[in-house]
Structure formats: C-alpha cells, structure tokens
C-alpha cells in the first residue's frame, strides 16, 4: 500500500511539531477549585511539562534521577543512608545504656 502525499505531509508535520515541543518544551497549567457558597472545599493545581530529557535537565528538572521509586541507584543510596543512620543510632543507644548501667 502506497502512502498518499497528504498522509506523508501530515506525518511530517506531526514529527516537526513533536520535535519542536520536545526541543523547546510546553507547559500546561491549570487550577481546579470546588466550592459551595463562596467556601472553597477543594483546590487542585495541575502543572504538566512536556519536554525532552535534555531540555528538562537544562531547566533544572532531574527529579527522576534521585527518586528511589524510579531509579535503582537512588534507591540503593537511600537504603545505604538508612543503614548508616541505623548504625549510628544503635551506637548512641549503647553509649546511653552503658552510662546508665555505670551510674
């Protein structure tokens, strides 16, 4: 099956738009507020950024690299920090117990 010139043009236009969006980035922002009689019951702020990983890093967004739920290195680092903290707390507790027993 041969593609028609129209579908090829539409496809290339879509690719151009997607390339521009990923290169420059797009921000979509909105607020949802629910209230009764001028009393706000619920407020939701929605922020969506669509950009390439390189562009996101360029503007200072790199949370996926440090989120332990998304990155195994971050999870391992967090686990090591917790182990170290636990070790320090145990040592402090032993010192306190030792002082109490010697008094």
Protein backbone atom coordinates (compact mmCIF):
# COMPACT_ATOMS: atom_id res chain seq x y z
CA UNK A 1 0.00 0.00 0.00
CA UNK A 2 1.42 3.35 -1.05
CA UNK A 3 1.01 6.41 1.15
CA UNK A 4 -0.71 9.41 -0.28
CA UNK A 5 1.04 12.77 -0.37
CA UNK A 6 -1.48 14.12 2.16
CA UNK A 7 -0.74 11.46 4.80
CA UNK A 8 3.01 11.91 4.27
CA UNK A 9 2.65 15.68 4.75
CA UNK A 10 0.53 15.22 7.87
CA UNK A 11 3.03 12.72 9.26
CA UNK A 12 5.99 15.00 8.64
CA UNK A 13 4.08 17.95 10.15
CA UNK A 14 3.37 15.88 13.26
CA UNK A 15 7.04 14.92 13.51
CA UNK A 16 8.06 18.58 13.15
CA UNK A 17 5.60 19.65 15.85
CA UNK A 18 6.74 16.88 18.20
CA UNK A 19 10.40 17.75 17.60
CA UNK A 20 9.71 21.41 18.37
CA UNK A 21 7.73 20.57 21.50
CA UNK A 22 10.45 18.28 22.84
CA UNK A 23 13.19 20.77 21.95
CA UNK A 24 11.53 23.88 23.38
CA UNK A 25 9.14 22.34 25.91
CA UNK A 26 5.50 23.07 26.62
CA UNK A 27 3.95 23.97 29.95
CA UNK A 28 0.27 23.35 30.62
CA UNK A 29 -1.05 24.78 33.85
CA UNK A 30 -4.48 24.80 35.40
CA UNK A 31 -6.31 25.12 38.68
CA UNK A 32 -9.45 23.31 39.74
CA UNK A 33 -11.43 24.77 42.62
CA UNK A 34 -14.58 23.29 44.11
CA UNK A 35 -16.63 25.35 46.49
CA UNK A 36 -20.11 25.95 47.83
CA UNK A 37 -21.43 29.40 48.74
CA UNK A 38 -18.02 31.10 48.44
CA UNK A 39 -16.38 28.45 50.66
CA UNK A 40 -13.56 26.64 48.92
CA UNK A 41 -13.72 22.91 49.65
CA UNK A 42 -11.04 21.61 47.31
CA UNK A 43 -8.21 23.16 45.34
CA UNK A 44 -6.06 21.22 42.88
CA UNK A 45 -3.14 22.72 40.99
CA UNK A 46 -2.11 20.88 37.87
CA UNK A 47 1.20 21.53 36.15
CA UNK A 48 2.33 19.48 33.16
CA UNK A 49 5.62 19.95 31.35
CA UNK A 50 6.32 18.13 28.10
CA UNK A 51 9.97 18.30 27.06
CA UNK A 52 12.91 16.11 26.14
CA UNK A 53 15.11 14.77 28.94
CA UNK A 54 17.93 17.05 27.81
CA UNK A 55 15.69 20.13 27.88
CA UNK A 56 14.29 19.14 31.29
CA UNK A 57 17.82 18.82 32.71
CA UNK A 58 18.74 22.15 31.12
CA UNK A 59 15.95 23.90 33.04
CA UNK A 60 16.86 22.14 36.28
CA UNK A 61 14.38 19.26 36.35
CA UNK A 62 16.04 15.95 37.19
CA UNK A 63 13.86 14.51 39.94
CA UNK A 64 13.64 11.11 38.24
CA UNK A 65 17.37 10.64 38.85
CA UNK A 66 17.01 10.96 42.63
CA UNK A 67 13.59 9.39 43.17
CA UNK A 68 14.10 5.96 44.77
CA UNK A 69 10.87 4.69 43.22
CA UNK A 70 12.13 5.44 39.71
CA UNK A 71 15.88 4.93 39.95
CA UNK A 72 17.61 1.87 41.38
CA UNK A 73 20.81 3.82 42.16
CA UNK A 74 18.80 6.35 44.16
CA UNK A 75 17.01 3.51 45.96
CA UNK A 76 20.34 1.88 46.84
CA UNK A 77 21.75 5.20 48.04
CA UNK A 78 18.70 5.81 50.22
CA UNK A 79 18.96 2.30 51.65
CA UNK A 80 22.65 2.82 52.46
CA UNK A 81 21.86 6.12 54.18
CA UNK A 82 19.19 4.41 56.29
CA UNK A 83 21.62 1.64 57.24
CA UNK A 84 24.24 4.19 58.28
CA UNK A 85 21.71 6.15 60.30
CA UNK A 86 20.52 2.96 61.99
CA UNK A 87 24.11 2.03 62.86
CA UNK A 88 24.75 5.48 64.38
CA UNK A 89 21.54 5.32 66.43
CA UNK A 90 22.43 1.87 67.77
CA UNK A 91 25.88 3.14 68.81
CA UNK A 92 24.33 6.13 70.60
CA UNK A 93 21.83 3.88 72.35
CA UNK A 94 24.60 1.55 73.52
CA UNK A 95 26.54 4.53 74.93
CA UNK A 96 23.45 5.79 76.79
CA UNK A 97 22.70 2.32 78.17
CA UNK A 98 26.34 1.94 79.21
CA UNK A 99 26.25 5.22 81.13
CA UNK A 100 23.00 4.26 82.84
CA UNK A 101 24.40 0.91 83.94
CA UNK A 102 27.60 2.51 85.30
CA UNK A 103 25.70 5.07 87.40
